[in-house]
Amino acid sequence: MLCALVFLIVASGLWPFLGEWAIAVGATAAAMFFLGLKFWPDKTPGGDA
C-alpha cells in the first residue's frame, strides 16, 4: 500500500512530462496491484481454503 502511495505521488509529479501515457500505465499498475491484494489471500496456505 505504501509503495503504491509513493508511486502515485511520483507519477502525479511526473505526468506533465510524460503525458497521458504515464497516467494510463499508472492506472493499469494500480488496478493490477489492488486486484492482486484482493485475490491473493485466497491462494495463500493456512487460510479458509
C-alpha atoms as a PDB file:
ATOM      1  CA  MET A   1       0.000   0.000   0.000  1.00  0.00           C
ATOM      2  CA  LEU A   2       2.791   2.383   0.925  1.00  0.00           C
ATOM      3  CA  CYS A   3       4.665   1.581  -2.280  1.00  0.00           C
ATOM      4  CA  ALA A   4       1.529   2.289  -4.295  1.00  0.00           C
ATOM      5  CA  LEU A   5       1.082   5.579  -2.471  1.00  0.00           C
ATOM      6  CA  VAL A   6       4.660   6.657  -3.209  1.00  0.00           C
ATOM      7  CA  PHE A   7       4.270   5.534  -6.823  1.00  0.00           C
ATOM      8  CA  LEU A   8       1.104   7.586  -7.239  1.00  0.00           C
ATOM      9  CA  ILE A   9       2.780  10.649  -5.721  1.00  0.00           C
ATOM     10  CA  VAL A  10       5.772  10.325  -8.036  1.00  0.00           C
ATOM     11  CA  ALA A  11       3.539   9.647 -11.040  1.00  0.00           C
ATOM     12  CA  SER A  12       1.396  12.691 -10.256  1.00  0.00           C
ATOM     13  CA  GLY A  13       4.565  14.789 -10.188  1.00  0.00           C
ATOM     14  CA  LEU A  14       5.858  13.406 -13.491  1.00  0.00           C
ATOM     15  CA  TRP A  15       2.658  13.353 -15.534  1.00  0.00           C
ATOM     16  CA  PRO A  16       3.174  16.835 -17.091  1.00  0.00           C
ATOM     17  CA  PHE A  17       6.390  15.480 -18.631  1.00  0.00           C
ATOM     18  CA  LEU A  18       5.169  12.046 -19.668  1.00  0.00           C
ATOM     19  CA  GLY A  19       1.603  12.928 -20.549  1.00  0.00           C
ATOM     20  CA  GLU A  20      -1.396  10.628 -20.734  1.00  0.00           C
ATOM     21  CA  TRP A  21       0.834   7.578 -21.282  1.00  0.00           C
ATOM     22  CA  ALA A  22       2.080   7.786 -17.709  1.00  0.00           C
ATOM     23  CA  ILE A  23      -1.479   8.130 -16.401  1.00  0.00           C
ATOM     24  CA  ALA A  24      -2.594   5.063 -18.359  1.00  0.00           C
ATOM     25  CA  VAL A  25       0.356   2.986 -17.146  1.00  0.00           C
ATOM     26  CA  GLY A  26      -0.099   4.201 -13.572  1.00  0.00           C
ATOM     27  CA  ALA A  27      -3.809   3.409 -13.596  1.00  0.00           C
ATOM     28  CA  THR A  28      -3.156  -0.054 -15.023  1.00  0.00           C
ATOM     29  CA  ALA A  29      -0.445  -0.763 -12.457  1.00  0.00           C
ATOM     30  CA  ALA A  30      -2.677   0.445  -9.625  1.00  0.00           C
ATOM     31  CA  ALA A  31      -5.576  -1.709 -10.837  1.00  0.00           C
ATOM     32  CA  MET A  32      -3.349  -4.799 -11.055  1.00  0.00           C
ATOM     33  CA  PHE A  33      -1.915  -4.028  -7.609  1.00  0.00           C
ATOM     34  CA  PHE A  34      -5.303  -3.732  -5.902  1.00  0.00           C
ATOM     35  CA  LEU A  35      -6.683  -6.765  -7.746  1.00  0.00           C
ATOM     36  CA  GLY A  36      -3.645  -8.686  -6.519  1.00  0.00           C
ATOM     37  CA  LEU A  37      -4.356  -7.622  -2.938  1.00  0.00           C
ATOM     38  CA  LYS A  38      -7.979  -8.658  -3.307  1.00  0.00           C
ATOM     39  CA  PHE A  39      -7.424 -12.125  -4.778  1.00  0.00           C
ATOM     40  CA  TRP A  40      -4.016 -13.132  -3.428  1.00  0.00           C
ATOM     41  CA  PRO A  41      -5.197 -14.030   0.144  1.00  0.00           C
ATOM     42  CA  ASP A  42      -7.428 -16.712  -1.402  1.00  0.00           C
ATOM     43  CA  LYS A  43      -4.333 -18.516  -2.661  1.00  0.00           C
ATOM     44  CA  THR A  44      -2.215 -18.410   0.490  1.00  0.00           C
ATOM     45  CA  PRO A  45      -1.879 -21.590   2.596  1.00  0.00           C
ATOM     46  CA  GLY A  46      -3.391 -21.654   6.066  1.00  0.00           C
ATOM     47  CA  GLY A  47      -6.461 -19.679   5.040  1.00  0.00           C
ATOM     48  CA  ASP A  48     -10.098 -20.697   4.961  1.00  0.00           C
ATOM     49  CA  ALA A  49      -9.426 -22.803   1.883  1.00  0.00           C
END
